[in-house]
PDB file of N, CA and C in Angstrom:
ATOM      1  N   MET A   1    -310.154 -65.264  -9.674  1.00  0.00           N
ATOM      2  CA  MET A   1    -309.118 -65.100 -10.677  1.00  0.00           C
ATOM      3  C   MET A   1    -308.812 -66.470 -11.271  1.00  0.00           C
ATOM      4  N   ALA A   2    -308.871 -66.550 -12.539  1.00  0.00           N
ATOM      5  CA  ALA A   2    -308.577 -67.773 -13.222  1.00  0.00           C
ATOM      6  C   ALA A   2    -307.056 -68.067 -13.328  1.00  0.00           C
ATOM      7  N   GLU A   3    -306.699 -69.298 -13.110  1.00  0.00           N
ATOM      8  CA  GLU A   3    -305.254 -69.648 -13.266  1.00  0.00           C
ATOM      9  C   GLU A   3    -305.076 -70.155 -14.682  1.00  0.00           C
ATOM     10  N   VAL A   4    -303.944 -69.786 -15.293  1.00  0.00           N
ATOM     11  CA  VAL A   4    -303.562 -70.214 -16.645  1.00  0.00           C
ATOM     12  C   VAL A   4    -302.393 -71.160 -16.644  1.00  0.00           C
ATOM     13  N   PHE A   5    -302.421 -72.236 -17.226  1.00  0.00           N
ATOM     14  CA  PHE A   5    -301.322 -73.136 -17.333  1.00  0.00           C
ATOM     15  C   PHE A   5    -300.960 -73.366 -18.809  1.00  0.00           C
ATOM     16  N   ALA A   6    -299.693 -73.544 -19.067  1.00  0.00           N
ATOM     17  CA  ALA A   6    -299.198 -73.903 -20.420  1.00  0.00           C
ATOM     18  C   ALA A   6    -298.357 -75.188 -20.281  1.00  0.00           C
ATOM     19  N   ILE A   7    -298.616 -76.166 -21.056  1.00  0.00           N
ATOM     20  CA  ILE A   7    -297.884 -77.380 -21.043  1.00  0.00           C
ATOM     21  C   ILE A   7    -297.268 -77.596 -22.419  1.00  0.00           C
ATOM     22  N   GLU A   8    -295.973 -77.892 -22.405  1.00  0.00           N
ATOM     23  CA  GLU A   8    -295.308 -78.042 -23.734  1.00  0.00           C
ATOM     24  C   GLU A   8    -294.365 -79.271 -23.576  1.00  0.00           C
ATOM     25  N   PHE A   9    -294.333 -80.145 -24.555  1.00  0.00           N
ATOM     26  CA  PHE A   9    -293.374 -81.222 -24.527  1.00  0.00           C
ATOM     27  C   PHE A   9    -292.975 -81.643 -25.932  1.00  0.00           C
ATOM     28  N   GLN A  10    -291.837 -82.304 -26.012  1.00  0.00           N
ATOM     29  CA  GLN A  10    -291.332 -82.814 -27.266  1.00  0.00           C
ATOM     30  C   GLN A  10    -291.195 -84.286 -27.099  1.00  0.00           C
ATOM     31  N   LYS A  11    -291.488 -85.063 -28.182  1.00  0.00           N
ATOM     32  CA  LYS A  11    -291.335 -86.515 -28.092  1.00  0.00           C
ATOM     33  C   LYS A  11    -290.631 -87.020 -29.324  1.00  0.00           C
ATOM     34  N   LEU A  12    -289.567 -87.809 -29.177  1.00  0.00           N
ATOM     35  CA  LEU A  12    -288.827 -88.351 -30.260  1.00  0.00           C
ATOM     36  C   LEU A  12    -289.072 -89.828 -30.259  1.00  0.00           C
ATOM     37  N   VAL A  13    -289.520 -90.388 -31.402  1.00  0.00           N
ATOM     38  CA  VAL A  13    -289.847 -91.772 -31.441  1.00  0.00           C
ATOM     39  C   VAL A  13    -289.073 -92.415 -32.632  1.00  0.00           C
ATOM     40  N   ASP A  14    -288.421 -93.512 -32.339  1.00  0.00           N
ATOM     41  CA  ASP A  14    -287.652 -94.249 -33.344  1.00  0.00           C
ATOM     42  C   ASP A  14    -288.031 -95.676 -33.261  1.00  0.00           C
ATOM     43  N   ILE A  15    -288.794 -96.189 -34.204  1.00  0.00           N
ATOM     44  CA  ILE A  15    -289.273 -97.549 -34.241  1.00  0.00           C
ATOM     45  C   ILE A  15    -288.511 -98.293 -35.336  1.00  0.00           C
ATOM     46  N   GLN A  16    -287.897 -99.332 -34.944  1.00  0.00           N
ATOM     47  CA  GLN A  16    -287.186-100.231 -35.909  1.00  0.00           C
ATOM     48  C   GLN A  16    -287.762-101.615 -35.701  1.00  0.00           C
ATOM     49  N   GLU A  17    -288.111-102.281 -36.777  1.00  0.00           N
ATOM     50  CA  GLU A  17    -288.741-103.556 -36.750  1.00  0.00           C
ATOM     51  C   GLU A  17    -288.131-104.500 -37.765  1.00  0.00           C
ATOM     52  N   GLN A  18    -287.756-105.700 -37.331  1.00  0.00           N
ATOM     53  CA  GLN A  18    -287.249-106.712 -38.259  1.00  0.00           C
ATOM     54  C   GLN A  18    -288.029-107.976 -37.927  1.00  0.00           C
ATOM     55  N   VAL A  19    -288.634-108.565 -38.944  1.00  0.00           N
ATOM     56  CA  VAL A  19    -289.443-109.722 -38.743  1.00  0.00           C
ATOM     57  C   VAL A  19    -289.008-110.881 -39.655  1.00  0.00           C
ATOM     58  N   ASP A  20    -288.917-112.020 -39.080  1.00  0.00           N
ATOM     59  CA  ASP A  20    -288.540-113.204 -39.864  1.00  0.00           C
ATOM     60  C   ASP A  20    -289.580-114.274 -39.513  1.00  0.00           C
ATOM     61  N   ILE A  21    -290.417-114.589 -40.435  1.00  0.00           N
ATOM     62  CA  ILE A  21    -291.564-115.560 -40.149  1.00  0.00           C
ATOM     63  C   ILE A  21    -291.292-116.768 -41.025  1.00  0.00           C
ATOM     64  N   GLN A  22    -291.238-117.849 -40.317  1.00  0.00           N
ATOM     65  CA  GLN A  22    -291.109-119.214 -40.970  1.00  0.00           C
ATOM     66  C   GLN A  22    -292.234-120.057 -40.497  1.00  0.00           C
ATOM     67  N   LYS A  23    -292.943-120.632 -41.433  1.00  0.00           N
ATOM     68  CA  LYS A  23    -294.070-121.499 -41.022  1.00  0.00           C
ATOM     69  C   LYS A  23    -294.335-122.596 -41.928  1.00  0.00           C
ATOM     70  N   ALA A  24    -294.828-123.659 -41.496  1.00  0.00           N
ATOM     71  CA  ALA A  24    -295.161-124.829 -42.337  1.00  0.00           C
ATOM     72  C   ALA A  24    -296.579-125.262 -41.846  1.00  0.00           C
ATOM     73  N   ILE A  25    -297.417-125.434 -42.838  1.00  0.00           N
ATOM     74  CA  ILE A  25    -298.829-125.842 -42.509  1.00  0.00           C
ATOM     75  C   ILE A  25    -299.164-127.111 -43.241  1.00  0.00           C
ATOM     76  N   GLN A  26    -299.566-128.110 -42.514  1.00  0.00           N
ATOM     77  CA  GLN A  26    -299.997-129.327 -43.156  1.00  0.00           C
ATOM     78  C   GLN A  26    -301.439-129.634 -42.791  1.00  0.00           C
ATOM     79  N   VAL A  27    -302.332-129.659 -43.771  1.00  0.00           N
ATOM     80  CA  VAL A  27    -303.748-129.782 -43.452  1.00  0.00           C
ATOM     81  C   VAL A  27    -304.340-130.925 -44.260  1.00  0.00           C
ATOM     82  N   ASP A  28    -305.099-131.745 -43.570  1.00  0.00           N
ATOM     83  CA  ASP A  28    -305.862-132.752 -44.271  1.00  0.00           C
ATOM     84  C   ASP A  28    -307.318-132.594 -43.823  1.00  0.00           C
ATOM     85  N   VAL A  29    -308.215-132.267 -44.711  1.00  0.00           N
ATOM     86  CA  VAL A  29    -309.653-132.025 -44.343  1.00  0.00           C
ATOM     87  C   VAL A  29    -310.507-132.907 -45.078  1.00  0.00           C
ATOM     88  N   GLN A  30    -311.564-133.294 -44.422  1.00  0.00           N
ATOM     89  CA  GLN A  30    -312.665-134.122 -44.965  1.00  0.00           C
ATOM     90  C   GLN A  30    -313.965-133.300 -44.841  1.00  0.00           C
ATOM     91  N   ILE A  31    -314.479-132.813 -45.922  1.00  0.00           N
ATOM     92  CA  ILE A  31    -315.702-131.963 -45.953  1.00  0.00           C
ATOM     93  C   ILE A  31    -316.748-132.614 -46.850  1.00  0.00           C
ATOM     94  N   GLN A  32    -317.962-132.591 -46.299  1.00  0.00           N
ATOM     95  CA  GLN A  32    -319.134-133.009 -47.101  1.00  0.00           C
ATOM     96  C   GLN A  32    -320.156-131.925 -46.988  1.00  0.00           C
ATOM     97  N   GLY A  33    -320.660-131.524 -48.143  1.00  0.00           N
ATOM     98  CA  GLY A  33    -321.615-130.429 -48.185  1.00  0.00           C
ATOM     99  C   GLY A  33    -320.963-129.115 -48.515  1.00  0.00           C
ATOM    100  N   ASN A  34    -321.736-128.007 -48.344  1.00  0.00           N
ATOM    101  CA  ASN A  34    -321.261-126.655 -48.694  1.00  0.00           C
ATOM    102  C   ASN A  34    -321.749-125.629 -47.642  1.00  0.00           C
ATOM    103  N   SER A  35    -320.831-124.802 -47.166  1.00  0.00           N
ATOM    104  CA  SER A  35    -321.212-123.832 -46.181  1.00  0.00           C
ATOM    105  C   SER A  35    -320.357-122.572 -46.253  1.00  0.00           C
ATOM    106  N   ALA A  36    -320.820-121.483 -45.776  1.00  0.00           N
ATOM    107  CA  ALA A  36    -320.105-120.209 -45.715  1.00  0.00           C
ATOM    108  C   ALA A  36    -320.603-119.475 -44.424  1.00  0.00           C
ATOM    109  N   LEU A  37    -319.623-118.839 -43.703  1.00  0.00           N
ATOM    110  CA  LEU A  37    -319.975-118.126 -42.466  1.00  0.00           C
ATOM    111  C   LEU A  37    -319.192-116.854 -42.476  1.00  0.00           C
ATOM    112  N   ALA A  38    -319.837-115.747 -41.978  1.00  0.00           N
ATOM    113  CA  ALA A  38    -319.167-114.450 -41.858  1.00  0.00           C
ATOM    114  C   ALA A  38    -319.579-113.845 -40.540  1.00  0.00           C
ATOM    115  N   ASP A  39    -318.627-113.278 -39.789  1.00  0.00           N
ATOM    116  CA  ASP A  39    -318.891-112.672 -38.554  1.00  0.00           C
ATOM    117  C   ASP A  39    -317.907-111.485 -38.297  1.00  0.00           C
ATOM    118  N   VAL A  40    -318.388-110.380 -37.840  1.00  0.00           N
ATOM    119  CA  VAL A  40    -317.508-109.205 -37.627  1.00  0.00           C
ATOM    120  C   VAL A  40    -317.947-108.510 -36.349  1.00  0.00           C
ATOM    121  N   LYS A  41    -316.981-107.945 -35.597  1.00  0.00           N
ATOM    122  CA  LYS A  41    -317.348-107.074 -34.459  1.00  0.00           C
ATOM    123  C   LYS A  41    -316.344-105.884 -34.473  1.00  0.00           C
ATOM    124  N   ALA A  42    -316.908-104.710 -34.369  1.00  0.00           N
ATOM    125  CA  ALA A  42    -316.115-103.502 -34.408  1.00  0.00           C
ATOM    126  C   ALA A  42    -316.749-102.491 -33.427  1.00  0.00           C
ATOM    127  N   GLU A  43    -315.906-101.682 -32.772  1.00  0.00           N
ATOM    128  CA  GLU A  43    -316.462-100.681 -31.852  1.00  0.00           C
ATOM    129  C   GLU A  43    -315.776 -99.356 -32.139  1.00  0.00           C
ATOM    130  N   ALA A  44    -316.506 -98.278 -31.991  1.00  0.00           N
ATOM    131  CA  ALA A  44    -315.981 -96.947 -32.053  1.00  0.00           C
ATOM    132  C   ALA A  44    -316.724 -96.024 -31.069  1.00  0.00           C
ATOM    133  N   THR A  45    -316.007 -95.324 -30.242  1.00  0.00           N
ATOM    134  CA  THR A  45    -316.595 -94.522 -29.193  1.00  0.00           C
ATOM    135  C   THR A  45    -315.964 -93.125 -29.228  1.00  0.00           C
ATOM    136  N   ALA A  46    -316.757 -92.123 -29.383  1.00  0.00           N
ATOM    137  CA  ALA A  46    -316.256 -90.722 -29.278  1.00  0.00           C
ATOM    138  C   ALA A  46    -316.945 -90.103 -28.042  1.00  0.00           C
ATOM    139  N   LEU A  47    -316.084 -89.639 -27.174  1.00  0.00           N
ATOM    140  CA  LEU A  47    -316.586 -89.047 -25.939  1.00  0.00           C
ATOM    141  C   LEU A  47    -316.350 -87.497 -25.915  1.00  0.00           C
ATOM    142  N   GLY A  48    -317.367 -86.773 -25.541  1.00  0.00           N
ATOM    143  CA  GLY A  48    -317.102 -85.336 -25.415  1.00  0.00           C
ATOM    144  C   GLY A  48    -317.402 -84.526 -26.711  1.00  0.00           C
ATOM    145  N   PRO A  49    -317.475 -83.251 -26.572  1.00  0.00           N
ATOM    146  CA  PRO A  49    -317.789 -82.437 -27.850  1.00  0.00           C
ATOM    147  C   PRO A  49    -316.524 -82.409 -28.821  1.00  0.00           C
ATOM    148  N   ASP A  50    -316.851 -82.283 -30.023  1.00  0.00           N
ATOM    149  CA  ASP A  50    -315.895 -82.103 -31.081  1.00  0.00           C
ATOM    150  C   ASP A  50    -314.923 -83.338 -31.040  1.00  0.00           C
ATOM    151  N   SER A  51    -315.445 -84.500 -31.090  1.00  0.00           N
ATOM    152  CA  SER A  51    -314.562 -85.731 -31.120  1.00  0.00           C
ATOM    153  C   SER A  51    -315.159 -86.658 -32.089  1.00  0.00           C
ATOM    154  N   HIS A  52    -314.324 -87.456 -32.784  1.00  0.00           N
ATOM    155  CA  HIS A  52    -314.694 -88.432 -33.857  1.00  0.00           C
ATOM    156  C   HIS A  52    -313.842 -89.609 -33.750  1.00  0.00           C
ATOM    157  N   THR A  53    -314.427 -90.764 -33.975  1.00  0.00           N
ATOM    158  CA  THR A  53    -313.711 -91.991 -34.121  1.00  0.00           C
ATOM    159  C   THR A  53    -314.417 -92.956 -35.007  1.00  0.00           C
ATOM    160  N   GLU A  54    -313.687 -93.837 -35.639  1.00  0.00           N
ATOM    161  CA  GLU A  54    -314.294 -94.809 -36.557  1.00  0.00           C
ATOM    162  C   GLU A  54    -313.358 -95.946 -36.679  1.00  0.00           C
ATOM    163  N   THR A  55    -313.978 -97.188 -36.851  1.00  0.00           N
ATOM    164  CA  THR A  55    -313.217 -98.428 -37.055  1.00  0.00           C
ATOM    165  C   THR A  55    -313.828 -99.049 -38.269  1.00  0.00           C
ATOM    166  N   LEU A  56    -312.968 -99.380 -39.197  1.00  0.00           N
ATOM    167  CA  LEU A  56    -313.434 -99.946 -40.448  1.00  0.00           C
ATOM    168  C   LEU A  56    -312.703-101.270 -40.687  1.00  0.00           C
ATOM    169  N   GLY A  57    -313.371-102.281 -41.244  1.00  0.00           N
ATOM    170  CA  GLY A  57    -312.676-103.488 -41.499  1.00  0.00           C
ATOM    171  C   GLY A  57    -313.230-104.227 -42.748  1.00  0.00           C
ATOM    172  N   LEU A  58    -312.477-104.988 -43.340  1.00  0.00           N
ATOM    173  CA  LEU A  58    -312.895-105.797 -44.510  1.00  0.00           C
ATOM    174  C   LEU A  58    -312.180-107.185 -44.447  1.00  0.00           C
ATOM    175  N   THR A  59    -312.900-108.209 -44.472  1.00  0.00           N
ATOM    176  CA  THR A  59    -312.315-109.491 -44.515  1.00  0.00           C
ATOM    177  C   THR A  59    -312.997-110.361 -45.561  1.00  0.00           C
ATOM    178  N   SER A  60    -312.244-111.077 -46.345  1.00  0.00           N
ATOM    179  CA  SER A  60    -312.816-111.889 -47.390  1.00  0.00           C
ATOM    180  C   SER A  60    -312.076-113.216 -47.391  1.00  0.00           C
ATOM    181  N   THR A  61    -312.864-114.289 -47.599  1.00  0.00           N
ATOM    182  CA  THR A  61    -312.233-115.656 -47.685  1.00  0.00           C
ATOM    183  C   THR A  61    -313.042-116.425 -48.721  1.00  0.00           C
ATOM    184  N   THR A  62    -312.334-117.252 -49.493  1.00  0.00           N
ATOM    185  CA  THR A  62    -312.910-118.040 -50.613  1.00  0.00           C
ATOM    186  C   THR A  62    -312.344-119.426 -50.651  1.00  0.00           C
ATOM    187  N   SER A  63    -313.222-120.414 -50.765  1.00  0.00           N
ATOM    188  CA  SER A  63    -312.725-121.770 -50.951  1.00  0.00           C
ATOM    189  C   SER A  63    -313.342-122.319 -52.190  1.00  0.00           C
ATOM    190  N   VAL A  64    -312.511-122.964 -53.076  1.00  0.00           N
ATOM    191  CA  VAL A  64    -312.944-123.525 -54.310  1.00  0.00           C
ATOM    192  C   VAL A  64    -312.613-125.039 -54.228  1.00  0.00           C
ATOM    193  N   ALA A  65    -313.635-125.869 -54.427  1.00  0.00           N
ATOM    194  CA  ALA A  65    -313.484-127.322 -54.330  1.00  0.00           C
ATOM    195  C   ALA A  65    -312.490-127.830 -55.273  1.00  0.00           C
ATOM    196  N   GLY A  66    -311.551-128.626 -54.850  1.00  0.00           N
ATOM    197  CA  GLY A  66    -310.525-129.219 -55.771  1.00  0.00           C
ATOM    198  C   GLY A  66    -309.434-128.291 -56.148  1.00  0.00           C
ATOM    199  N   VAL A  67    -309.519-126.961 -55.740  1.00  0.00           N
ATOM    200  CA  VAL A  67    -308.470-125.964 -56.124  1.00  0.00           C
ATOM    201  C   VAL A  67    -307.693-125.502 -54.862  1.00  0.00           C
ATOM    202  N   GLY A  68    -308.408-124.943 -53.909  1.00  0.00           N
ATOM    203  CA  GLY A  68    -307.791-124.466 -52.663  1.00  0.00           C
ATOM    204  C   GLY A  68    -308.564-123.273 -52.100  1.00  0.00           C
ATOM    205  N   SER A  69    -307.928-122.462 -51.243  1.00  0.00           N
ATOM    206  CA  SER A  69    -308.663-121.363 -50.648  1.00  0.00           C
ATOM    207  C   SER A  69    -307.707-120.177 -50.488  1.00  0.00           C
ATOM    208  N   SER A  70    -308.337-118.989 -50.265  1.00  0.00           N
ATOM    209  CA  SER A  70    -307.609-117.774 -50.088  1.00  0.00           C
ATOM    210  C   SER A  70    -308.347-116.932 -49.070  1.00  0.00           C
ATOM    211  N   SER A  71    -307.628-116.085 -48.383  1.00  0.00           N
ATOM    212  CA  SER A  71    -308.266-115.112 -47.510  1.00  0.00           C
ATOM    213  C   SER A  71    -307.474-113.832 -47.463  1.00  0.00           C
ATOM    214  N   SER A  72    -308.169-112.718 -47.157  1.00  0.00           N
ATOM    215  CA  SER A  72    -307.467-111.425 -46.992  1.00  0.00           C
ATOM    216  C   SER A  72    -308.251-110.572 -45.967  1.00  0.00           C
ATOM    217  N   SER A  73    -307.531-109.700 -45.318  1.00  0.00           N
ATOM    218  CA  SER A  73    -308.102-108.890 -44.281  1.00  0.00           C
ATOM    219  C   SER A  73    -307.448-107.530 -44.316  1.00  0.00           C
ATOM    220  N   ILE A  74    -308.319-106.418 -44.183  1.00  0.00           N
ATOM    221  CA  ILE A  74    -307.828-105.060 -44.098  1.00  0.00           C
ATOM    222  C   ILE A  74    -308.548-104.442 -42.974  1.00  0.00           C
ATOM    223  N   ALA A  75    -307.835-103.707 -42.091  1.00  0.00           N
ATOM    224  CA  ALA A  75    -308.441-102.973 -40.993  1.00  0.00           C
ATOM    225  C   ALA A  75    -307.863-101.559 -40.913  1.00  0.00           C
ATOM    226  N   GLU A  76    -308.673-100.596 -40.504  1.00  0.00           N
ATOM    227  CA  GLU A  76    -308.259 -99.289 -40.387  1.00  0.00           C
ATOM    228  C   GLU A  76    -308.969 -98.614 -39.125  1.00  0.00           C
ATOM    229  N   SER A  77    -308.285 -97.881 -38.410  1.00  0.00           N
ATOM    230  CA  SER A  77    -308.839 -97.169 -37.254  1.00  0.00           C
ATOM    231  C   SER A  77    -308.372 -95.743 -37.195  1.00  0.00           C
ATOM    232  N   VAL A  78    -309.238 -94.779 -36.918  1.00  0.00           N
ATOM    233  CA  VAL A  78    -308.907 -93.371 -36.855  1.00  0.00           C
ATOM    234  C   VAL A  78    -309.669 -92.645 -35.781  1.00  0.00           C
ATOM    235  N   SER A  79    -308.989 -91.725 -35.096  1.00  0.00           N
ATOM    236  CA  SER A  79    -309.666 -90.917 -34.108  1.00  0.00           C
ATOM    237  C   SER A  79    -309.130 -89.577 -34.078  1.00  0.00           C
ATOM    238  N   ALA A  80    -309.924 -88.583 -33.676  1.00  0.00           N
ATOM    239  CA  ALA A  80    -309.498 -87.164 -33.640  1.00  0.00           C
ATOM    240  C   ALA A  80    -310.437 -86.452 -32.698  1.00  0.00           C
ATOM    241  N   SER A  81    -309.894 -85.402 -31.978  1.00  0.00           N
ATOM    242  CA  SER A  81    -310.627 -84.577 -31.147  1.00  0.00           C
ATOM    243  C   SER A  81    -310.098 -83.233 -31.101  1.00  0.00           C
ATOM    244  N   GLN A  82    -310.940 -82.226 -30.877  1.00  0.00           N
ATOM    245  CA  GLN A  82    -310.553 -80.839 -30.792  1.00  0.00           C
ATOM    246  C   GLN A  82    -309.905 -80.667 -29.443  1.00  0.00           C
ATOM    247  N   PRO A  83    -308.681 -80.118 -29.356  1.00  0.00           N
ATOM    248  CA  PRO A  83    -308.048 -79.942 -28.031  1.00  0.00           C
ATOM    249  C   PRO A  83    -308.864 -78.946 -27.214  1.00  0.00           C
ATOM    250  N   ASN A  84    -308.869 -79.232 -25.917  1.00  0.00           N
ATOM    251  CA  ASN A  84    -309.569 -78.334 -24.957  1.00  0.00           C
ATOM    252  C   ASN A  84    -308.559 -77.334 -24.447  1.00  0.00           C
ATOM    253  N   THR A  85    -308.868 -76.081 -24.680  1.00  0.00           N
ATOM    254  CA  THR A  85    -307.868 -75.035 -24.285  1.00  0.00           C
ATOM    255  C   THR A  85    -308.131 -74.510 -22.810  1.00  0.00           C
ATOM    256  N   ASP A  86    -309.246 -75.047 -22.183  1.00  0.00           N
ATOM    257  CA  ASP A  86    -309.515 -74.668 -20.859  1.00  0.00           C
ATOM    258  C   ASP A  86    -309.023 -75.726 -19.923  1.00  0.00           C
ATOM    259  N   TRP A  87    -308.095 -75.356 -19.024  1.00  0.00           N
ATOM    260  CA  TRP A  87    -307.572 -76.296 -18.089  1.00  0.00           C
ATOM    261  C   TRP A  87    -308.062 -75.925 -16.707  1.00  0.00           C
ATOM    262  N   HIS A  88    -308.695 -76.905 -16.041  1.00  0.00           N
ATOM    263  CA  HIS A  88    -309.250 -76.632 -14.700  1.00  0.00           C
ATOM    264  C   HIS A  88    -308.692 -77.624 -13.736  1.00  0.00           C
ATOM    265  N   ILE A  89    -308.203 -77.127 -12.656  1.00  0.00           N
ATOM    266  CA  ILE A  89    -307.604 -78.016 -11.548  1.00  0.00           C
ATOM    267  C   ILE A  89    -308.522 -77.704 -10.349  1.00  0.00           C
ATOM    268  N   ALA A  90    -309.077 -78.779  -9.816  1.00  0.00           N
ATOM    269  CA  ALA A  90    -309.935 -78.649  -8.708  1.00  0.00           C
ATOM    270  C   ALA A  90    -309.150 -78.791  -7.297  1.00  0.00           C
TER     271      ALA A  90
END
């Protein structure tokens, strides 16, 4: 005879965040020549049937001689799985 279990819960989440960032950067560089380097590592693992996960990222940086530099980064991660309605306790 199969045992049937039902689990139900409620969760209330209240996130409050206040950020004050103060920074000073002083840089003196000496560069000869021209170079550019890009490197990225991302992982996504989906385990079991009816599961999906993905990790996406975009990073860009530019340096212009005599002008300055800029950089930007965007990252996104998502995962989903079909709930398993079969509960087994050994």
